N, C-alpha and C. Protein backbone atom coordinates (compact mmCIF):
# COMPACT_ATOMS: atom_id res chain seq x y z
N MET A 1 -15.07 5.90 -51.45
CA MET A 1 -15.26 5.36 -52.84
C MET A 1 -15.63 3.84 -52.59
N LYS A 2 -16.43 2.86 -53.52
CA LYS A 2 -17.39 1.69 -53.11
C LYS A 2 -16.29 1.12 -54.14
N PHE A 3 -15.45 0.39 -53.64
CA PHE A 3 -14.79 -1.07 -54.98
C PHE A 3 -15.40 -1.66 -55.22
N GLU A 4 -15.60 -2.51 -56.11
CA GLU A 4 -15.75 -3.14 -56.94
C GLU A 4 -14.57 -4.37 -56.81
N LEU A 5 -15.40 -5.45 -55.76
CA LEU A 5 -14.53 -6.42 -55.93
C LEU A 5 -14.03 -7.55 -56.55
N ASN A 6 -13.85 -7.32 -57.82
CA ASN A 6 -13.82 -8.05 -58.67
C ASN A 6 -11.87 -8.12 -58.77
N LYS A 7 -11.51 -9.00 -60.09
CA LYS A 7 -10.18 -9.18 -60.35
C LYS A 7 -9.12 -8.02 -60.72
N ASN A 8 -9.99 -7.09 -61.44
CA ASN A 8 -8.91 -5.68 -61.76
C ASN A 8 -8.90 -4.44 -60.92
N PHE A 9 -9.83 -5.12 -60.16
CA PHE A 9 -9.23 -3.76 -58.81
C PHE A 9 -8.56 -4.78 -57.62
N ALA A 10 -8.58 -5.49 -57.74
CA ALA A 10 -7.36 -6.73 -57.06
C ALA A 10 -5.94 -6.57 -58.26
N HIS A 11 -6.18 -6.48 -58.71
CA HIS A 11 -4.68 -6.41 -59.28
C HIS A 11 -4.12 -4.81 -59.38
N LYS A 12 -4.81 -3.97 -59.42
CA LYS A 12 -4.63 -2.96 -58.95
C LYS A 12 -4.39 -2.97 -56.70
N LEU A 13 -4.96 -3.14 -56.43
CA LEU A 13 -4.81 -3.49 -54.97
C LEU A 13 -3.58 -3.75 -54.77
N GLY A 14 -2.80 -5.09 -55.43
CA GLY A 14 -1.58 -5.79 -55.56
C GLY A 14 -0.55 -4.82 -55.65
N LEU A 15 -0.92 -4.03 -57.07
CA LEU A 15 -0.11 -2.89 -57.24
C LEU A 15 0.35 -1.73 -56.26
N MET A 16 -0.85 -1.65 -55.24
CA MET A 16 -0.32 -0.35 -54.45
C MET A 16 0.38 -1.26 -53.09
N LEU A 17 0.08 -2.71 -52.87
CA LEU A 17 0.71 -3.24 -52.06
C LEU A 17 2.39 -3.75 -52.02
N GLU A 18 2.84 -4.62 -53.49
CA GLU A 18 3.58 -4.48 -53.96
C GLU A 18 4.73 -2.99 -53.77
N SER A 19 4.02 -1.65 -54.50
CA SER A 19 4.86 -1.01 -54.45
C SER A 19 5.09 -0.05 -53.14
N ARG A 20 4.31 -0.87 -52.08
CA ARG A 20 4.56 -0.37 -50.99
C ARG A 20 4.07 1.32 -50.49
N LEU A 21 2.56 1.38 -51.11
CA LEU A 21 1.95 2.52 -51.29
C LEU A 21 0.98 2.45 -49.83
N ILE A 22 0.58 1.20 -49.67
CA ILE A 22 -0.34 1.02 -48.57
C ILE A 22 0.20 -0.28 -47.81
N TRP A 23 0.22 -0.83 -46.80
CA TRP A 23 0.39 -1.59 -45.85
C TRP A 23 -0.98 -2.49 -45.12
N TYR A 24 -0.74 -2.72 -44.13
CA TYR A 24 -2.02 -3.37 -43.61
C TYR A 24 -2.47 -2.43 -42.47
N LYS A 25 -2.29 -1.41 -42.39
CA LYS A 25 -2.17 -0.51 -41.55
C LYS A 25 -3.58 0.84 -42.63
N HIS A 26 -3.59 0.29 -44.06
CA HIS A 26 -4.74 0.86 -44.48
C HIS A 26 -5.56 -0.32 -44.88
N TYR A 27 -5.43 -1.12 -44.95
CA TYR A 27 -6.31 -2.24 -45.30
C TYR A 27 -6.74 -3.28 -44.37
N ASP A 28 -6.37 -2.97 -42.76
CA ASP A 28 -6.84 -3.56 -42.43
C ASP A 28 -8.38 -3.56 -41.63
N LEU A 29 -8.88 -2.23 -41.52
CA LEU A 29 -10.52 -1.21 -41.39
C LEU A 29 -11.12 -1.78 -42.29
N TRP A 30 -10.64 -1.53 -43.92
CA TRP A 30 -11.44 -1.66 -44.60
C TRP A 30 -11.47 -2.99 -45.09
N CYS A 31 -10.92 -4.09 -44.90
CA CYS A 31 -10.92 -5.15 -44.72
C CYS A 31 -11.87 -5.75 -43.86
N GLU A 32 -12.14 -5.36 -42.09
CA GLU A 32 -13.35 -5.37 -41.86
C GLU A 32 -14.26 -4.88 -42.00
N GLU A 33 -14.62 -4.15 -42.63
CA GLU A 33 -15.70 -3.28 -43.38
C GLU A 33 -16.56 -4.06 -43.75
N ILE A 34 -15.71 -4.95 -44.56
CA ILE A 34 -16.42 -5.36 -46.27
C ILE A 34 -16.74 -7.18 -45.17
N ILE A 35 -16.23 -7.49 -44.27
CA ILE A 35 -16.42 -9.22 -43.57
C ILE A 35 -17.39 -8.81 -43.29
N ASP A 36 -17.96 -7.41 -41.92
CA ASP A 36 -19.29 -7.23 -41.43
C ASP A 36 -20.13 -6.71 -42.55
N GLN A 37 -20.06 -6.42 -43.99
CA GLN A 37 -21.09 -5.89 -44.86
C GLN A 37 -21.60 -7.61 -45.77
N TYR A 38 -20.85 -8.57 -45.54
CA TYR A 38 -21.23 -9.14 -46.68
C TYR A 38 -21.60 -10.72 -44.97
N ASN A 39 -22.57 -11.41 -45.87
CA ASN A 39 -23.01 -12.60 -44.79
C ASN A 39 -22.46 -13.25 -45.82
N GLU A 40 -21.23 -13.81 -46.51
CA GLU A 40 -20.29 -14.54 -47.04
C GLU A 40 -19.66 -13.18 -47.84
N PRO A 41 -18.16 -12.78 -47.09
CA PRO A 41 -17.42 -12.31 -47.96
C PRO A 41 -16.19 -12.59 -48.47
N PRO A 42 -15.81 -12.52 -49.74
CA PRO A 42 -14.89 -13.04 -50.19
C PRO A 42 -13.82 -13.42 -49.99
N PHE A 43 -13.25 -14.78 -49.72
CA PHE A 43 -12.02 -15.39 -48.98
C PHE A 43 -10.91 -14.39 -48.98
N TRP A 44 -10.35 -14.27 -50.40
CA TRP A 44 -9.31 -13.47 -50.36
C TRP A 44 -9.17 -11.99 -48.84
N ILE A 45 -10.42 -11.62 -49.07
CA ILE A 45 -10.28 -10.28 -47.97
C ILE A 45 -10.57 -10.84 -46.73
N ILE A 46 -10.79 -12.36 -46.07
CA ILE A 46 -10.85 -12.80 -44.96
C ILE A 46 -9.00 -13.17 -44.55
N GLU A 47 -8.42 -13.52 -45.82
CA GLU A 47 -7.27 -14.03 -45.89
C GLU A 47 -6.19 -13.01 -45.43
N LEU A 48 -6.30 -11.64 -46.32
CA LEU A 48 -5.60 -10.42 -46.35
C LEU A 48 -6.09 -9.40 -45.03
N ALA A 49 -7.34 -9.92 -43.95
CA ALA A 49 -7.53 -9.17 -42.64
C ALA A 49 -6.68 -9.80 -41.97
N ALA A 50 -5.85 -10.84 -42.85
CA ALA A 50 -5.60 -11.67 -41.29
C ALA A 50 -4.16 -11.61 -41.61
N THR A 51 -3.54 -11.06 -42.52
CA THR A 51 -2.27 -10.88 -42.91
C THR A 51 -1.17 -9.10 -42.99
N LYS A 52 -0.57 -9.39 -42.02
CA LYS A 52 -0.03 -7.90 -41.82
C LYS A 52 1.45 -7.80 -42.65
N TYR A 53 2.35 -8.64 -42.99
CA TYR A 53 3.50 -9.82 -44.11
C TYR A 53 2.82 -8.62 -45.39
N ILE A 54 3.63 -7.96 -45.47
CA ILE A 54 3.19 -7.30 -46.97
C ILE A 54 3.61 -8.20 -48.26
N PRO A 55 4.53 -8.94 -48.35
CA PRO A 55 4.90 -10.23 -49.71
C PRO A 55 3.11 -11.04 -48.99
N ASP A 56 3.38 -11.81 -47.95
CA ASP A 56 2.10 -12.54 -48.03
C ASP A 56 0.75 -11.99 -48.89
N ALA A 57 0.33 -10.52 -48.21
CA ALA A 57 -0.49 -9.48 -48.93
C ALA A 57 -0.37 -9.88 -50.01
N VAL A 58 0.70 -9.69 -50.86
CA VAL A 58 1.00 -9.45 -52.11
C VAL A 58 -0.19 -10.91 -52.86
N ARG A 59 0.84 -11.90 -52.39
CA ARG A 59 0.63 -13.05 -53.14
C ARG A 59 -0.74 -13.54 -52.55
N ILE A 60 -1.64 -13.05 -51.31
CA ILE A 60 -3.18 -13.46 -52.01
C ILE A 60 -3.60 -12.91 -52.65
N VAL A 61 -3.16 -11.30 -52.54
CA VAL A 61 -4.25 -10.33 -53.11
C VAL A 61 -4.39 -11.12 -55.19
N ASN A 62 -2.72 -11.31 -55.54
CA ASN A 62 -2.51 -11.43 -56.92
C ASN A 62 -2.91 -13.59 -57.24
N TYR A 63 -2.89 -14.02 -55.73
CA TYR A 63 -3.52 -15.01 -56.50
C TYR A 63 -5.17 -15.17 -56.76
N TYR A 64 -5.53 -14.56 -55.95
CA TYR A 64 -6.94 -13.79 -56.37
C TYR A 64 -7.20 -13.30 -57.83
N ALA A 65 -6.46 -12.41 -58.50
CA ALA A 65 -6.14 -11.29 -59.12
C ALA A 65 -6.04 -12.32 -60.70
N TYR A 66 -5.51 -13.18 -60.52
CA TYR A 66 -5.07 -13.82 -61.64
C TYR A 66 -5.16 -15.48 -61.19
N SER A 67 -6.40 -16.03 -60.68
CA SER A 67 -6.71 -17.27 -60.86
C SER A 67 -7.86 -17.05 -61.49
N GLU A 68 -8.20 -18.13 -62.25
CA GLU A 68 -9.27 -18.74 -62.91
C GLU A 68 -10.10 -18.12 -62.61
N PRO A 69 -11.51 -17.75 -64.02
CA PRO A 69 -11.48 -17.56 -64.85
C PRO A 69 -10.18 -16.38 -65.37
N PHE A 70 -9.21 -16.78 -65.73
CA PHE A 70 -8.14 -15.44 -66.68
C PHE A 70 -8.94 -14.74 -67.06
N GLU A 71 -8.26 -13.61 -66.42
CA GLU A 71 -9.12 -11.87 -67.11
C GLU A 71 -7.49 -11.31 -67.71
N LYS A 72 -7.68 -10.58 -68.91
CA LYS A 72 -6.39 -9.74 -69.05
C LYS A 72 -6.61 -8.18 -68.70
N PHE A 73 -6.17 -7.81 -68.28
CA PHE A 73 -5.99 -6.32 -67.11
C PHE A 73 -5.88 -5.17 -68.19
N ASP A 74 -6.57 -4.57 -68.34
CA ASP A 74 -6.39 -3.10 -69.50
C ASP A 74 -5.25 -2.30 -68.70
N THR A 75 -4.22 -2.62 -68.13
CA THR A 75 -3.38 -2.13 -67.49
C THR A 75 -1.75 -2.50 -67.91
N ASN A 76 -1.14 -1.38 -67.41
CA ASN A 76 0.60 -2.31 -67.60
C ASN A 76 1.42 -2.02 -66.41
N ASN A 77 2.52 -1.59 -66.24
CA ASN A 77 3.52 -1.67 -65.38
C ASN A 77 3.34 -0.18 -64.94
N ASP A 78 3.08 0.26 -65.72
CA ASP A 78 3.12 2.03 -65.92
C ASP A 78 1.89 2.61 -64.58
N LEU A 79 1.00 1.90 -63.94
CA LEU A 79 0.25 2.13 -62.66
C LEU A 79 1.47 1.54 -61.37
N TYR A 80 2.29 0.78 -61.70
CA TYR A 80 2.97 0.58 -60.86
C TYR A 80 4.33 1.93 -60.44
N VAL A 81 4.51 2.66 -61.52
CA VAL A 81 4.97 3.37 -61.37
C VAL A 81 4.45 5.00 -60.82
N ALA A 82 3.43 5.18 -60.98
CA ALA A 82 2.48 5.73 -60.75
C ALA A 82 2.35 5.50 -59.18
N CYS A 83 2.68 4.43 -58.36
CA CYS A 83 1.88 4.58 -57.22
C CYS A 83 3.67 4.57 -56.05
N LEU A 84 4.59 4.25 -57.26
CA LEU A 84 6.17 4.94 -56.39
C LEU A 84 5.75 6.67 -56.30
N PHE A 85 5.46 7.03 -57.79
CA PHE A 85 5.57 8.87 -57.80
C PHE A 85 4.40 9.24 -56.24
N ILE A 86 3.60 8.30 -56.26
CA ILE A 86 2.54 8.82 -54.82
C ILE A 86 3.27 8.34 -53.85
N ARG A 87 4.14 8.02 -53.79
CA ARG A 87 5.10 7.53 -52.35
C ARG A 87 5.67 8.87 -52.21
N TYR A 88 6.46 9.33 -53.57
CA TYR A 88 7.82 10.19 -53.84
C TYR A 88 6.94 11.41 -53.42
N GLU A 89 5.72 12.01 -53.58
CA GLU A 89 4.76 13.48 -53.75
C GLU A 89 3.84 13.08 -52.20
N ARG A 90 3.95 12.32 -51.35
CA ARG A 90 3.55 11.88 -50.02
C ARG A 90 5.02 11.79 -49.21
N ASN A 91 5.97 12.39 -50.01
CA ASN A 91 7.30 12.57 -48.83
C ASN A 91 7.73 11.39 -48.57
N GLU A 92 7.41 10.05 -48.05
CA GLU A 92 7.73 8.90 -48.25
C GLU A 92 9.15 8.12 -48.58
N ILE A 93 9.04 8.63 -49.73
CA ILE A 93 10.70 8.21 -50.35
C ILE A 93 11.51 9.76 -51.16
N SER A 94 12.66 9.59 -51.25
CA SER A 94 13.52 10.72 -51.99
C SER A 94 12.77 10.54 -53.53
N TRP A 95 13.74 11.58 -54.69
CA TRP A 95 13.31 11.87 -55.75
C TRP A 95 14.39 10.91 -56.49
N ALA A 96 15.91 10.67 -55.21
CA ALA A 96 16.89 9.98 -56.12
C ALA A 96 16.16 8.05 -55.78
N THR A 97 15.52 7.70 -54.85
CA THR A 97 14.79 6.80 -54.51
C THR A 97 13.72 6.37 -55.64
N PHE A 98 13.30 7.51 -55.59
CA PHE A 98 11.47 7.26 -56.96
C PHE A 98 12.39 6.95 -58.25
N LEU A 99 13.39 7.59 -58.67
CA LEU A 99 14.39 6.98 -60.04
C LEU A 99 14.90 6.19 -59.76
N GLU A 100 15.54 5.16 -58.63
CA GLU A 100 15.94 4.21 -58.80
C GLU A 100 15.01 2.66 -58.62
N ASN A 101 14.06 3.49 -57.96
CA ASN A 101 12.81 1.95 -57.73
C ASN A 101 12.47 1.47 -58.92
N ALA A 102 12.16 2.87 -60.25
CA ALA A 102 10.97 3.08 -61.49
C ALA A 102 12.07 2.28 -62.06
N GLY A 103 13.43 2.89 -62.48
CA GLY A 103 14.53 2.45 -63.19
C GLY A 103 14.62 0.49 -63.19
N LYS A 104 14.40 -0.08 -61.92
CA LYS A 104 14.58 -1.28 -61.59
C LYS A 104 13.10 -1.91 -62.41
N TYR A 105 12.15 -1.23 -61.62
CA TYR A 105 10.50 -2.07 -61.86
C TYR A 105 10.78 -1.88 -63.94
N THR A 106 10.83 -0.66 -64.37
CA THR A 106 10.78 -0.98 -65.69
C THR A 106 12.21 -1.43 -66.83
N ASP A 107 12.75 -2.03 -65.93
CA ASP A 107 14.18 -2.83 -66.35
C ASP A 107 13.15 -4.54 -67.13
N GLY A 108 13.02 -4.40 -68.39
CA GLY A 108 12.59 -5.69 -68.84
C GLY A 108 10.91 -5.81 -68.23
N ASN A 109 10.29 -4.93 -67.83
CA ASN A 109 8.83 -4.87 -67.19
C ASN A 109 8.24 -4.02 -68.66
N ASP A 110 6.79 -4.26 -69.21
CA ASP A 110 6.29 -3.25 -70.01
C ASP A 110 6.05 -2.32 -69.75
N ALA A 111 6.23 -1.47 -70.03
CA ALA A 111 6.00 -0.01 -69.50
C ALA A 111 6.32 1.31 -70.69
N LYS A 112 5.67 2.14 -70.12
CA LYS A 112 5.49 3.31 -71.55
C LYS A 112 6.81 4.21 -72.00
N VAL A 113 7.52 3.32 -71.07
CA VAL A 113 8.85 4.36 -71.13
C VAL A 113 9.73 3.04 -70.49
N ASP A 114 11.61 3.20 -71.62
CA ASP A 114 12.62 2.13 -70.81
C ASP A 114 12.59 2.29 -69.58
N CYS A 115 13.78 1.61 -68.82
CA CYS A 115 14.24 1.86 -68.00
C CYS A 115 15.67 3.16 -67.93
N SER A 116 15.85 3.16 -68.94
CA SER A 116 16.81 4.14 -69.36
C SER A 116 16.59 5.38 -69.48
N TYR A 117 14.76 5.69 -69.33
CA TYR A 117 14.35 6.85 -68.59
C TYR A 117 14.62 7.14 -67.65
N PHE A 118 14.41 6.85 -66.56
CA PHE A 118 14.49 6.59 -65.16
C PHE A 118 15.65 6.73 -64.90
N TYR A 119 16.99 5.88 -64.90
CA TYR A 119 18.11 5.99 -64.95
C TYR A 119 19.31 7.24 -65.43
N ALA A 120 19.02 8.05 -66.67
CA ALA A 120 19.08 8.47 -67.14
C ALA A 120 19.06 9.92 -66.64
N MET A 121 17.64 10.22 -65.97
CA MET A 121 17.58 11.06 -65.00
C MET A 121 18.01 11.05 -63.88
N LEU A 122 17.73 9.99 -63.32
CA LEU A 122 19.43 9.36 -61.82
C LEU A 122 20.67 9.54 -62.32
N ASN A 123 21.05 9.86 -63.20
CA ASN A 123 22.50 10.08 -63.28
C ASN A 123 22.78 11.53 -63.54
N ASP A 124 21.92 12.18 -64.12
CA ASP A 124 22.23 13.60 -64.17
C ASP A 124 22.04 14.43 -63.14
N TYR A 125 20.61 13.66 -62.06
CA TYR A 125 20.36 14.08 -60.70
C TYR A 125 22.04 14.31 -59.66
N GLU A 126 22.42 12.57 -59.56
CA GLU A 126 23.30 12.70 -59.08
C GLU A 126 24.64 13.73 -59.57
N ASP A 127 24.69 13.61 -60.74
CA ASP A 127 25.91 14.80 -61.15
C ASP A 127 25.55 16.56 -60.85
N THR A 128 24.39 16.59 -60.67
CA THR A 128 24.56 17.46 -59.72
C THR A 128 24.19 17.91 -58.89
N GLU A 129 25.04 16.92 -58.01
CA GLU A 129 24.74 17.25 -56.20
C GLU A 129 23.68 17.07 -55.90
N PHE A 130 22.05 16.49 -56.42
CA PHE A 130 21.12 16.02 -55.98
C PHE A 130 20.64 17.54 -56.03
N SER A 131 20.59 18.11 -57.41
CA SER A 131 19.79 20.16 -57.33
C SER A 131 18.87 19.82 -57.36
N PHE A 132 18.10 20.55 -56.39
CA PHE A 132 16.76 20.77 -56.07
C PHE A 132 15.82 21.40 -57.03
N LYS A 133 16.66 21.85 -57.78
CA LYS A 133 15.95 22.58 -59.68
C LYS A 133 16.05 21.70 -60.45
N LEU A 134 16.73 20.95 -60.31
CA LEU A 134 16.94 19.77 -61.67
C LEU A 134 15.65 19.02 -60.64
N GLU A 135 15.60 18.60 -59.58
CA GLU A 135 13.98 17.59 -59.39
C GLU A 135 13.39 18.05 -60.07
N ILE A 136 13.07 19.59 -59.72
CA ILE A 136 11.33 20.03 -59.77
C ILE A 136 11.36 19.48 -61.33
N VAL A 137 12.63 19.98 -62.06
CA VAL A 137 12.02 19.98 -63.74
C VAL A 137 11.64 18.83 -64.14
N GLN A 138 12.56 17.64 -63.71
CA GLN A 138 12.84 16.18 -63.66
C GLN A 138 11.02 15.93 -63.20
N ASN A 139 10.72 16.17 -62.28
CA ASN A 139 9.57 15.85 -61.57
C ASN A 139 8.11 15.94 -62.37
N LYS A 140 8.71 17.51 -63.11
CA LYS A 140 7.40 17.75 -63.98
C LYS A 140 7.35 17.02 -64.97
N LYS A 141 8.11 16.66 -65.57
CA LYS A 141 8.35 15.52 -66.47
C LYS A 141 7.61 14.23 -66.57
N VAL A 142 8.11 13.06 -65.75
CA VAL A 142 7.54 12.60 -64.82
C VAL A 142 6.07 12.40 -64.82
N HIS A 143 6.29 13.53 -64.27
CA HIS A 143 4.27 13.99 -63.52
C HIS A 143 3.57 13.82 -65.17
N ASN A 144 3.63 14.72 -66.40
CA ASN A 144 3.09 14.91 -67.05
C ASN A 144 2.87 14.01 -68.29
N GLU A 145 4.26 12.63 -68.56
CA GLU A 145 4.67 11.38 -69.03
C GLU A 145 3.41 10.59 -68.16
N PHE A 146 3.07 10.56 -66.70
CA PHE A 146 2.51 9.53 -66.17
C PHE A 146 1.24 10.51 -65.39
N TYR A 147 0.75 11.28 -66.17
CA TYR A 147 -0.25 11.77 -65.75
C TYR A 147 -1.45 10.92 -65.25
N PRO A 148 -2.27 10.30 -66.12
CA PRO A 148 -3.28 9.39 -66.79
C PRO A 148 -2.97 8.17 -65.43
N GLU A 149 -1.83 7.49 -65.38
CA GLU A 149 -1.82 6.15 -64.74
C GLU A 149 -1.76 6.93 -62.98
N ILE A 150 -1.12 8.27 -62.64
CA ILE A 150 -0.64 8.96 -61.10
C ILE A 150 -2.48 8.82 -60.88
N LYS A 151 -3.29 9.84 -61.64
CA LYS A 151 -4.69 10.22 -61.20
C LYS A 151 -5.25 8.37 -61.13
N GLU A 152 -5.18 7.55 -62.18
CA GLU A 152 -6.00 7.13 -61.41
C GLU A 152 -5.64 5.71 -60.39
N MET A 153 -3.98 5.79 -59.99
CA MET A 153 -3.67 5.35 -58.70
C MET A 153 -4.38 5.80 -57.03
N GLN A 154 -4.12 7.67 -57.46
CA GLN A 154 -4.64 8.63 -56.44
C GLN A 154 -6.37 8.31 -56.01
N ARG A 155 -6.52 7.48 -57.29
CA ARG A 155 -7.91 7.59 -56.84
C ARG A 155 -8.60 6.15 -55.91
N TYR A 156 -7.65 5.13 -56.49
CA TYR A 156 -8.23 3.55 -55.34
C TYR A 156 -7.39 4.18 -54.01
N TYR A 157 -6.30 4.65 -54.04
CA TYR A 157 -5.55 5.62 -52.83
C TYR A 157 -5.86 6.13 -52.33
N ASN A 158 -6.99 6.56 -52.55
CA ASN A 158 -7.30 7.93 -51.57
C ASN A 158 -8.13 7.68 -50.64
N PRO A 159 -9.02 6.87 -51.09
CA PRO A 159 -9.76 6.11 -49.73
C PRO A 159 -9.34 5.13 -48.65
N PHE A 160 -8.07 5.03 -49.45
CA PHE A 160 -7.67 3.76 -48.25
C PHE A 160 -6.44 4.85 -46.70
N ILE A 161 -6.81 5.75 -47.29
CA ILE A 161 -6.10 7.11 -46.30
C ILE A 161 -6.63 7.15 -45.59
N SER A 162 -8.42 7.52 -45.06
CA SER A 162 -9.10 7.04 -43.99
C SER A 162 -9.02 6.07 -43.20
N TYR A 163 -9.15 4.85 -43.53
CA TYR A 163 -8.56 3.81 -43.07
C TYR A 163 -7.65 3.91 -42.17
N PHE A 164 -6.43 4.39 -43.01
CA PHE A 164 -5.25 4.69 -42.01
C PHE A 164 -5.52 5.32 -41.11
N LYS A 165 -5.72 6.41 -40.78
CA LYS A 165 -6.12 7.55 -39.68
C LYS A 165 -6.67 6.79 -38.71
N ASP A 166 -7.80 5.80 -39.21
CA ASP A 166 -8.64 5.86 -38.35
C ASP A 166 -8.23 4.52 -38.03
N TYR A 167 -7.17 3.70 -38.25
CA TYR A 167 -6.44 2.59 -37.80
C TYR A 167 -5.51 3.26 -36.34
N ILE A 168 -4.87 3.95 -37.19
CA ILE A 168 -3.78 4.74 -36.10
C ILE A 168 -4.36 4.93 -34.71
N LYS A 169 -5.80 5.83 -35.22
CA LYS A 169 -6.46 6.84 -34.46
C LYS A 169 -7.05 5.40 -33.19
N ASN A 170 -7.28 4.00 -33.70
CA ASN A 170 -7.86 3.19 -32.89
C ASN A 170 -6.96 2.64 -31.78
N ASN A 171 -5.78 2.80 -32.38
CA ASN A 171 -4.18 1.73 -31.86
C ASN A 171 -3.50 2.64 -30.99
N ARG A 172 -3.75 3.44 -30.75
CA ARG A 172 -2.99 4.31 -29.77
C ARG A 172 -3.39 4.44 -28.59
């Protein structure tokens, strides 16, 4: 997938970085590819290529995304929750960790559900001693609620998988 290196894309890239869905092993070769393709690559891509520390990477990407001329993104914090869900699906985080992090992020942020949606699920999950049957039921509920956002962020995430695999293969 060819990405249009606009502010909307940078906003979504920032969410993937902030949620830890991707990190430098995902974007290093991607940045190098862009730098090689352009006579004058975007400065934020050059900076990102030289950055491994995730908070700095988030700052670089968001500085560009939220710089003048300002744009209003047709997205909200539900995309961050979708990133967390993808992390759960790839077995990087547990269901309890997903629920806790989604609850923390939606607390005070504009999202389609209130933080209590996730915290109530977490309480039930803990009260059943982390029942796998309940996890499946809750998983389906969250997946259905956030399906459009999960699908959208999966489209952005998928191309970075091959960059990650290539990075690992080249650095062994």
